[in-house]
Amino acid sequence: MKGTGESKKHTRWKEVGIRCAMWRMLHITKHLNRYPFWFIDLNCGCGRNKTVNCDGACIEFIKMALEENRRYIAYLCDRDEGNFDELCNI
């Protein structure tokens, strides 16, 4: 079963767009580094789209925040407990 937001045709482009938006948010708020950046993903899935072999938005955000040396607080949720357990074991 396809998860929400998964599609062979559009997923990779969607992730590129999300990554660009997150990068902009991190850079716009860079001068506020004394405060953590809050990231909330209410449909995080397992963190990886295995069909098209790319990371999900939550993993992309964490990688970018680490690359940019940003403090962050991330709240990740998924209605499928199996997906969430898989995410926690990445």
PDB file of N, CA and C in Angstrom:
ATOM      1  N   MET A   1       0.840  -1.191   0.000  1.00  0.00           N
ATOM      2  CA  MET A   1       0.000   0.000   0.000  1.00  0.00           C
ATOM      3  C   MET A   1       0.875   1.240   0.000  1.00  0.00           C
ATOM      4  N   LYS A   2       0.556   2.181  -0.851  1.00  0.00           N
ATOM      5  CA  LYS A   2       1.301   3.434  -0.882  1.00  0.00           C
ATOM      6  C   LYS A   2       0.956   4.262   0.340  1.00  0.00           C
ATOM      7  N   GLY A   3       1.979   4.881   0.927  1.00  0.00           N
ATOM      8  CA  GLY A   3       1.741   5.778   2.034  1.00  0.00           C
ATOM      9  C   GLY A   3       1.305   7.145   1.522  1.00  0.00           C
ATOM     10  N   THR A   4       0.833   7.969   2.401  1.00  0.00           N
ATOM     11  CA  THR A   4       0.405   9.313   2.022  1.00  0.00           C
ATOM     12  C   THR A   4       1.593  10.070   1.450  1.00  0.00           C
ATOM     13  N   GLY A   5       1.399  10.707   0.313  1.00  0.00           N
ATOM     14  CA  GLY A   5       2.447  11.506  -0.295  1.00  0.00           C
ATOM     15  C   GLY A   5       3.418  10.722  -1.160  1.00  0.00           C
ATOM     16  N   GLU A   6       3.222   9.419  -1.290  1.00  0.00           N
ATOM     17  CA  GLU A   6       4.138   8.612  -2.091  1.00  0.00           C
ATOM     18  C   GLU A   6       3.601   8.431  -3.505  1.00  0.00           C
ATOM     19  N   SER A   7       4.486   8.608  -4.459  1.00  0.00           N
ATOM     20  CA  SER A   7       4.124   8.418  -5.856  1.00  0.00           C
ATOM     21  C   SER A   7       5.427   8.295  -6.628  1.00  0.00           C
ATOM     22  N   LYS A   8       5.538   7.278  -7.471  1.00  0.00           N
ATOM     23  CA  LYS A   8       6.769   7.103  -8.242  1.00  0.00           C
ATOM     24  C   LYS A   8       7.065   8.329  -9.093  1.00  0.00           C
ATOM     25  N   LYS A   9       6.016   8.928  -9.632  1.00  0.00           N
ATOM     26  CA  LYS A   9       6.182  10.033 -10.571  1.00  0.00           C
ATOM     27  C   LYS A   9       6.551  11.345  -9.877  1.00  0.00           C
ATOM     28  N   HIS A  10       5.980  11.621  -8.707  1.00  0.00           N
ATOM     29  CA  HIS A  10       6.132  12.947  -8.110  1.00  0.00           C
ATOM     30  C   HIS A  10       6.957  13.017  -6.824  1.00  0.00           C
ATOM     31  N   THR A  11       7.201  11.895  -6.163  1.00  0.00           N
ATOM     32  CA  THR A  11       7.842  11.936  -4.850  1.00  0.00           C
ATOM     33  C   THR A  11       9.195  12.634  -4.872  1.00  0.00           C
ATOM     34  N   ARG A  12      10.044  12.278  -5.810  1.00  0.00           N
ATOM     35  CA  ARG A  12      11.389  12.871  -5.830  1.00  0.00           C
ATOM     36  C   ARG A  12      11.313  14.395  -6.012  1.00  0.00           C
ATOM     37  N   TRP A  13      10.426  14.873  -6.887  1.00  0.00           N
ATOM     38  CA  TRP A  13      10.283  16.320  -7.092  1.00  0.00           C
ATOM     39  C   TRP A  13       9.685  16.990  -5.865  1.00  0.00           C
ATOM     40  N   LYS A  14       8.751  16.300  -5.209  1.00  0.00           N
ATOM     41  CA  LYS A  14       8.160  16.843  -3.986  1.00  0.00           C
ATOM     42  C   LYS A  14       9.252  17.029  -2.921  1.00  0.00           C
ATOM     43  N   GLU A  15      10.127  16.044  -2.800  1.00  0.00           N
ATOM     44  CA  GLU A  15      11.203  16.134  -1.809  1.00  0.00           C
ATOM     45  C   GLU A  15      12.186  17.257  -2.152  1.00  0.00           C
ATOM     46  N   VAL A  16      12.456  17.474  -3.420  1.00  0.00           N
ATOM     47  CA  VAL A  16      13.323  18.581  -3.825  1.00  0.00           C
ATOM     48  C   VAL A  16      12.686  19.907  -3.406  1.00  0.00           C
ATOM     49  N   GLY A  17      11.384  20.060  -3.654  1.00  0.00           N
ATOM     50  CA  GLY A  17      10.680  21.285  -3.272  1.00  0.00           C
ATOM     51  C   GLY A  17      10.654  21.492  -1.765  1.00  0.00           C
ATOM     52  N   ILE A  18      10.390  20.422  -1.026  1.00  0.00           N
ATOM     53  CA  ILE A  18      10.365  20.523   0.437  1.00  0.00           C
ATOM     54  C   ILE A  18      11.750  20.870   0.966  1.00  0.00           C
ATOM     55  N   ARG A  19      12.780  20.236   0.398  1.00  0.00           N
ATOM     56  CA  ARG A  19      14.150  20.526   0.837  1.00  0.00           C
ATOM     57  C   ARG A  19      14.497  21.997   0.598  1.00  0.00           C
ATOM     58  N   CYS A  20      14.115  22.551  -0.551  1.00  0.00           N
ATOM     59  CA  CYS A  20      14.370  23.968  -0.844  1.00  0.00           C
ATOM     60  C   CYS A  20      13.651  24.867   0.165  1.00  0.00           C
ATOM     61  N   ALA A  21      12.401  24.548   0.466  1.00  0.00           N
ATOM     62  CA  ALA A  21      11.643  25.350   1.431  1.00  0.00           C
ATOM     63  C   ALA A  21      12.272  25.271   2.821  1.00  0.00           C
ATOM     64  N   MET A  22      12.684  24.086   3.244  1.00  0.00           N
ATOM     65  CA  MET A  22      13.294  23.938   4.569  1.00  0.00           C
ATOM     66  C   MET A  22      14.633  24.667   4.633  1.00  0.00           C
ATOM     67  N   TRP A  23      15.422  24.586   3.535  1.00  0.00           N
ATOM     68  CA  TRP A  23      16.711  25.273   3.497  1.00  0.00           C
ATOM     69  C   TRP A  23      16.506  26.783   3.669  1.00  0.00           C
ATOM     70  N   ARG A  24      15.497  27.313   2.967  1.00  0.00           N
ATOM     71  CA  ARG A  24      15.201  28.746   3.090  1.00  0.00           C
ATOM     72  C   ARG A  24      14.801  29.108   4.516  1.00  0.00           C
ATOM     73  N   MET A  25      13.955  28.290   5.129  1.00  0.00           N
ATOM     74  CA  MET A  25      13.544  28.567   6.509  1.00  0.00           C
ATOM     75  C   MET A  25      14.738  28.554   7.452  1.00  0.00           C
ATOM     76  N   LEU A  26      15.636  27.596   7.278  1.00  0.00           N
ATOM     77  CA  LEU A  26      16.819  27.515   8.141  1.00  0.00           C
ATOM     78  C   LEU A  26      17.708  28.738   7.951  1.00  0.00           C
ATOM     79  N   HIS A  27      17.867  29.192   6.711  1.00  0.00           N
ATOM     80  CA  HIS A  27      18.730  30.349   6.453  1.00  0.00           C
ATOM     81  C   HIS A  27      18.089  31.673   6.859  1.00  0.00           C
ATOM     82  N   ILE A  28      16.794  31.810   6.656  1.00  0.00           N
ATOM     83  CA  ILE A  28      16.108  33.034   7.070  1.00  0.00           C
ATOM     84  C   ILE A  28      16.203  33.214   8.577  1.00  0.00           C
ATOM     85  N   THR A  29      16.160  32.115   9.306  1.00  0.00           N
ATOM     86  CA  THR A  29      16.168  32.185  10.776  1.00  0.00           C
ATOM     87  C   THR A  29      17.561  31.951  11.373  1.00  0.00           C
ATOM     88  N   LYS A  30      18.585  31.962  10.550  1.00  0.00           N
ATOM     89  CA  LYS A  30      19.944  31.645  11.028  1.00  0.00           C
ATOM     90  C   LYS A  30      20.397  32.587  12.146  1.00  0.00           C
ATOM     91  N   HIS A  31      20.009  33.852  12.074  1.00  0.00           N
ATOM     92  CA  HIS A  31      20.419  34.813  13.104  1.00  0.00           C
ATOM     93  C   HIS A  31      19.736  34.534  14.445  1.00  0.00           C
ATOM     94  N   LEU A  32      18.749  33.642  14.448  1.00  0.00           N
ATOM     95  CA  LEU A  32      18.056  33.274  15.683  1.00  0.00           C
ATOM     96  C   LEU A  32      18.569  31.950  16.245  1.00  0.00           C
ATOM     97  N   ASN A  33      19.817  31.616  15.951  1.00  0.00           N
ATOM     98  CA  ASN A  33      20.357  30.304  16.308  1.00  0.00           C
ATOM     99  C   ASN A  33      20.355  30.048  17.813  1.00  0.00           C
ATOM    100  N   ARG A  34      20.236  31.084  18.615  1.00  0.00           N
ATOM    101  CA  ARG A  34      20.189  30.841  20.065  1.00  0.00           C
ATOM    102  C   ARG A  34      18.895  30.123  20.454  1.00  0.00           C
ATOM    103  N   TYR A  35      17.911  30.139  19.540  1.00  0.00           N
ATOM    104  CA  TYR A  35      16.659  29.412  19.749  1.00  0.00           C
ATOM    105  C   TYR A  35      16.650  28.177  18.847  1.00  0.00           C
ATOM    106  N   PRO A  36      16.120  27.076  19.333  1.00  0.00           N
ATOM    107  CA  PRO A  36      16.054  25.897  18.450  1.00  0.00           C
ATOM    108  C   PRO A  36      15.004  26.097  17.355  1.00  0.00           C
ATOM    109  N   PHE A  37      15.233  25.480  16.224  1.00  0.00           N
ATOM    110  CA  PHE A  37      14.273  25.468  15.128  1.00  0.00           C
ATOM    111  C   PHE A  37      13.304  24.318  15.397  1.00  0.00           C
ATOM    112  N   TRP A  38      12.028  24.592  15.386  1.00  0.00           N
ATOM    113  CA  TRP A  38      11.021  23.575  15.657  1.00  0.00           C
ATOM    114  C   TRP A  38      10.535  22.979  14.338  1.00  0.00           C
ATOM    115  N   PHE A  39      10.575  21.664  14.253  1.00  0.00           N
ATOM    116  CA  PHE A  39      10.115  20.956  13.060  1.00  0.00           C
ATOM    117  C   PHE A  39       9.040  19.961  13.498  1.00  0.00           C
ATOM    118  N   ILE A  40       7.884  20.027  12.869  1.00  0.00           N
ATOM    119  CA  ILE A  40       6.785  19.132  13.203  1.00  0.00           C
ATOM    120  C   ILE A  40       6.314  18.445  11.927  1.00  0.00           C
ATOM    121  N   ASP A  41       6.336  17.128  11.931  1.00  0.00           N
ATOM    122  CA  ASP A  41       5.861  16.344  10.789  1.00  0.00           C
ATOM    123  C   ASP A  41       4.805  15.375  11.315  1.00  0.00           C
ATOM    124  N   LEU A  42       3.552  15.658  11.004  1.00  0.00           N
ATOM    125  CA  LEU A  42       2.450  14.855  11.523  1.00  0.00           C
ATOM    126  C   LEU A  42       2.162  13.619  10.693  1.00  0.00           C
ATOM    127  N   ASN A  43       2.934  13.424   9.624  1.00  0.00           N
ATOM    128  CA  ASN A  43       2.759  12.254   8.770  1.00  0.00           C
ATOM    129  C   ASN A  43       4.136  11.813   8.267  1.00  0.00           C
ATOM    130  N   CYS A  44       5.004  11.484   9.217  1.00  0.00           N
ATOM    131  CA  CYS A  44       6.421  11.265   8.882  1.00  0.00           C
ATOM    132  C   CYS A  44       6.695   9.939   8.192  1.00  0.00           C
ATOM    133  N   GLY A  45       5.810   8.984   8.294  1.00  0.00           N
ATOM    134  CA  GLY A  45       6.062   7.678   7.681  1.00  0.00           C
ATOM    135  C   GLY A  45       7.266   7.008   8.317  1.00  0.00           C
ATOM    136  N   CYS A  46       7.946   6.173   7.556  1.00  0.00           N
ATOM    137  CA  CYS A  46       9.110   5.452   8.088  1.00  0.00           C
ATOM    138  C   CYS A  46      10.402   6.230   7.841  1.00  0.00           C
ATOM    139  N   GLY A  47      10.297   7.425   7.228  1.00  0.00           N
ATOM    140  CA  GLY A  47      11.480   8.247   6.981  1.00  0.00           C
ATOM    141  C   GLY A  47      12.164   7.983   5.654  1.00  0.00           C
ATOM    142  N   ARG A  48      11.668   7.016   4.921  1.00  0.00           N
ATOM    143  CA  ARG A  48      12.307   6.644   3.656  1.00  0.00           C
ATOM    144  C   ARG A  48      11.233   6.163   2.683  1.00  0.00           C
ATOM    145  N   ASN A  49      11.325   6.587   1.435  1.00  0.00           N
ATOM    146  CA  ASN A  49      10.456   6.058   0.397  1.00  0.00           C
ATOM    147  C   ASN A  49      11.257   4.997  -0.344  1.00  0.00           C
ATOM    148  N   LYS A  50      10.971   3.766  -0.040  1.00  0.00           N
ATOM    149  CA  LYS A  50      11.742   2.652  -0.618  1.00  0.00           C
ATOM    150  C   LYS A  50      11.442   2.447  -2.099  1.00  0.00           C
ATOM    151  N   THR A  51      10.259   2.852  -2.537  1.00  0.00           N
ATOM    152  CA  THR A  51       9.866   2.669  -3.934  1.00  0.00           C
ATOM    153  C   THR A  51      10.755   3.471  -4.875  1.00  0.00           C
ATOM    154  N   VAL A  52      11.042   4.726  -4.520  1.00  0.00           N
ATOM    155  CA  VAL A  52      11.870   5.569  -5.383  1.00  0.00           C
ATOM    156  C   VAL A  52      13.236   5.846  -4.767  1.00  0.00           C
ATOM    157  N   ASN A  53      13.535   5.200  -3.640  1.00  0.00           N
ATOM    158  CA  ASN A  53      14.850   5.260  -3.004  1.00  0.00           C
ATOM    159  C   ASN A  53      15.265   6.695  -2.652  1.00  0.00           C
ATOM    160  N   CYS A  54      14.443   7.351  -1.827  1.00  0.00           N
ATOM    161  CA  CYS A  54      14.820   8.677  -1.346  1.00  0.00           C
ATOM    162  C   CYS A  54      14.353   8.853   0.091  1.00  0.00           C
ATOM    163  N   ASP A  55      15.024   9.737   0.810  1.00  0.00           N
ATOM    164  CA  ASP A  55      14.656  10.020   2.192  1.00  0.00           C
ATOM    165  C   ASP A  55      13.379  10.836   2.235  1.00  0.00           C
ATOM    166  N   GLY A  56      12.640  10.689   3.328  1.00  0.00           N
ATOM    167  CA  GLY A  56      11.440  11.481   3.544  1.00  0.00           C
ATOM    168  C   GLY A  56      11.796  12.854   4.092  1.00  0.00           C
ATOM    169  N   ALA A  57      10.791  13.710   4.218  1.00  0.00           N
ATOM    170  CA  ALA A  57      11.011  15.089   4.654  1.00  0.00           C
ATOM    171  C   ALA A  57      11.637  15.163   6.038  1.00  0.00           C
ATOM    172  N   CYS A  58      11.234  14.287   6.954  1.00  0.00           N
ATOM    173  CA  CYS A  58      11.785  14.367   8.310  1.00  0.00           C
ATOM    174  C   CYS A  58      13.278  14.064   8.324  1.00  0.00           C
ATOM    175  N   ILE A  59      13.714  13.080   7.563  1.00  0.00           N
ATOM    176  CA  ILE A  59      15.142  12.749   7.494  1.00  0.00           C
ATOM    177  C   ILE A  59      15.901  13.860   6.776  1.00  0.00           C
ATOM    178  N   GLU A  60      15.327  14.386   5.700  1.00  0.00           N
ATOM    179  CA  GLU A  60      15.961  15.498   4.982  1.00  0.00           C
ATOM    180  C   GLU A  60      16.147  16.697   5.904  1.00  0.00           C
ATOM    181  N   PHE A  61      15.136  17.011   6.712  1.00  0.00           N
ATOM    182  CA  PHE A  61      15.256  18.141   7.624  1.00  0.00           C
ATOM    183  C   PHE A  61      16.388  17.914   8.622  1.00  0.00           C
ATOM    184  N   ILE A  62      16.437  16.753   9.240  1.00  0.00           N
ATOM    185  CA  ILE A  62      17.466  16.478  10.251  1.00  0.00           C
ATOM    186  C   ILE A  62      18.853  16.569   9.625  1.00  0.00           C
ATOM    187  N   LYS A  63      19.026  16.016   8.423  1.00  0.00           N
ATOM    188  CA  LYS A  63      20.335  16.108   7.751  1.00  0.00           C
ATOM    189  C   LYS A  63      20.719  17.560   7.493  1.00  0.00           C
ATOM    190  N   MET A  64      19.756  18.377   7.022  1.00  0.00           N
ATOM    191  CA  MET A  64      20.049  19.792   6.753  1.00  0.00           C
ATOM    192  C   MET A  64      20.372  20.549   8.022  1.00  0.00           C
ATOM    193  N   ALA A  65      19.612  20.320   9.079  1.00  0.00           N
ATOM    194  CA  ALA A  65      19.857  21.016  10.340  1.00  0.00           C
ATOM    195  C   ALA A  65      21.255  20.680  10.861  1.00  0.00           C
ATOM    196  N   LEU A  66      21.660  19.429  10.728  1.00  0.00           N
ATOM    197  CA  LEU A  66      23.007  19.035  11.160  1.00  0.00           C
ATOM    198  C   LEU A  66      24.072  19.674  10.272  1.00  0.00           C
ATOM    199  N   GLU A  67      23.832  19.695   8.958  1.00  0.00           N
ATOM    200  CA  GLU A  67      24.782  20.332   8.032  1.00  0.00           C
ATOM    201  C   GLU A  67      24.947  21.817   8.341  1.00  0.00           C
ATOM    202  N   GLU A  68      23.856  22.465   8.714  1.00  0.00           N
ATOM    203  CA  GLU A  68      23.863  23.907   8.986  1.00  0.00           C
ATOM    204  C   GLU A  68      24.201  24.225  10.440  1.00  0.00           C
ATOM    205  N   ASN A  69      24.484  23.180  11.230  1.00  0.00           N
ATOM    206  CA  ASN A  69      24.835  23.350  12.643  1.00  0.00           C
ATOM    207  C   ASN A  69      23.733  24.086  13.411  1.00  0.00           C
ATOM    208  N   ARG A  70      22.483  23.716  13.136  1.00  0.00           N
ATOM    209  CA  ARG A  70      21.336  24.340  13.790  1.00  0.00           C
ATOM    210  C   ARG A  70      20.798  23.437  14.891  1.00  0.00           C
ATOM    211  N   ARG A  71      20.497  24.056  16.000  1.00  0.00           N
ATOM    212  CA  ARG A  71      19.790  23.334  17.056  1.00  0.00           C
ATOM    213  C   ARG A  71      18.345  23.180  16.600  1.00  0.00           C
ATOM    214  N   TYR A  72      17.755  22.040  16.913  1.00  0.00           N
ATOM    215  CA  TYR A  72      16.371  21.830  16.496  1.00  0.00           C
ATOM    216  C   TYR A  72      15.646  20.941  17.502  1.00  0.00           C
ATOM    217  N   ILE A  73      14.353  21.049  17.481  1.00  0.00           N
ATOM    218  CA  ILE A  73      13.454  20.153  18.195  1.00  0.00           C
ATOM    219  C   ILE A  73      12.514  19.602  17.136  1.00  0.00           C
ATOM    220  N   ALA A  74      12.460  18.301  17.007  1.00  0.00           N
ATOM    221  CA  ALA A  74      11.621  17.683  15.983  1.00  0.00           C
ATOM    222  C   ALA A  74      10.557  16.810  16.639  1.00  0.00           C
ATOM    223  N   TYR A  75       9.312  17.045  16.260  1.00  0.00           N
ATOM    224  CA  TYR A  75       8.200  16.199  16.668  1.00  0.00           C
ATOM    225  C   TYR A  75       7.745  15.429  15.443  1.00  0.00           C
ATOM    226  N   LEU A  76       7.835  14.126  15.516  1.00  0.00           N
ATOM    227  CA  LEU A  76       7.492  13.270  14.385  1.00  0.00           C
ATOM    228  C   LEU A  76       6.369  12.319  14.795  1.00  0.00           C
ATOM    229  N   CYS A  77       5.330  12.259  13.993  1.00  0.00           N
ATOM    230  CA  CYS A  77       4.170  11.412  14.284  1.00  0.00           C
ATOM    231  C   CYS A  77       3.772  10.650  13.032  1.00  0.00           C
ATOM    232  N   ASP A  78       3.214   9.485  13.236  1.00  0.00           N
ATOM    233  CA  ASP A  78       2.608   8.735  12.137  1.00  0.00           C
ATOM    234  C   ASP A  78       1.520   7.847  12.709  1.00  0.00           C
ATOM    235  N   ARG A  79       0.433   7.714  11.993  1.00  0.00           N
ATOM    236  CA  ARG A  79      -0.681   6.893  12.495  1.00  0.00           C
ATOM    237  C   ARG A  79      -0.358   5.410  12.453  1.00  0.00           C
ATOM    238  N   ASP A  80       0.606   5.025  11.624  1.00  0.00           N
ATOM    239  CA  ASP A  80       1.006   3.621  11.506  1.00  0.00           C
ATOM    240  C   ASP A  80       2.177   3.361  12.456  1.00  0.00           C
ATOM    241  N   GLU A  81       1.914   2.615  13.501  1.00  0.00           N
ATOM    242  CA  GLU A  81       2.940   2.358  14.515  1.00  0.00           C
ATOM    243  C   GLU A  81       4.166   1.649  13.927  1.00  0.00           C
ATOM    244  N   GLY A  82       3.944   0.792  12.939  1.00  0.00           N
ATOM    245  CA  GLY A  82       5.058   0.087  12.282  1.00  0.00           C
ATOM    246  C   GLY A  82       5.991   1.060  11.579  1.00  0.00           C
ATOM    247  N   ASN A  83       5.414   2.056  10.881  1.00  0.00           N
ATOM    248  CA  ASN A  83       6.238   3.077  10.228  1.00  0.00           C
ATOM    249  C   ASN A  83       7.060   3.836  11.254  1.00  0.00           C
ATOM    250  N   PHE A  84       6.419   4.209  12.346  1.00  0.00           N
ATOM    251  CA  PHE A  84       7.117   4.992  13.367  1.00  0.00           C
ATOM    252  C   PHE A  84       8.222   4.180  14.020  1.00  0.00           C
ATOM    253  N   ASP A  85       7.959   2.887  14.280  1.00  0.00           N
ATOM    254  CA  ASP A  85       9.002   2.033  14.850  1.00  0.00           C
ATOM    255  C   ASP A  85      10.196   1.920  13.896  1.00  0.00           C
ATOM    256  N   GLU A  86       9.904   1.808  12.601  1.00  0.00           N
ATOM    257  CA  GLU A  86      10.977   1.721  11.606  1.00  0.00           C
ATOM    258  C   GLU A  86      11.790   3.019  11.580  1.00  0.00           C
ATOM    259  N   LEU A  87      11.109   4.145  11.666  1.00  0.00           N
ATOM    260  CA  LEU A  87      11.794   5.449  11.696  1.00  0.00           C
ATOM    261  C   LEU A  87      12.722   5.539  12.898  1.00  0.00           C
ATOM    262  N   CYS A  88      12.263   5.077  14.038  1.00  0.00           N
ATOM    263  CA  CYS A  88      13.059   5.163  15.275  1.00  0.00           C
ATOM    264  C   CYS A  88      14.307   4.286  15.220  1.00  0.00           C
ATOM    265  N   ASN A  89      14.350   3.332  14.295  1.00  0.00           N
ATOM    266  CA  ASN A  89      15.498   2.416  14.192  1.00  0.00           C
ATOM    267  C   ASN A  89      16.424   2.759  13.031  1.00  0.00           C
ATOM    268  N   ILE A  90      16.267   3.938  12.456  1.00  0.00           N
ATOM    269  CA  ILE A  90      17.165   4.354  11.361  1.00  0.00           C
ATOM    270  C   ILE A  90      18.506   4.696  11.941  1.00  0.00           C
TER     271      ILE A  90
END
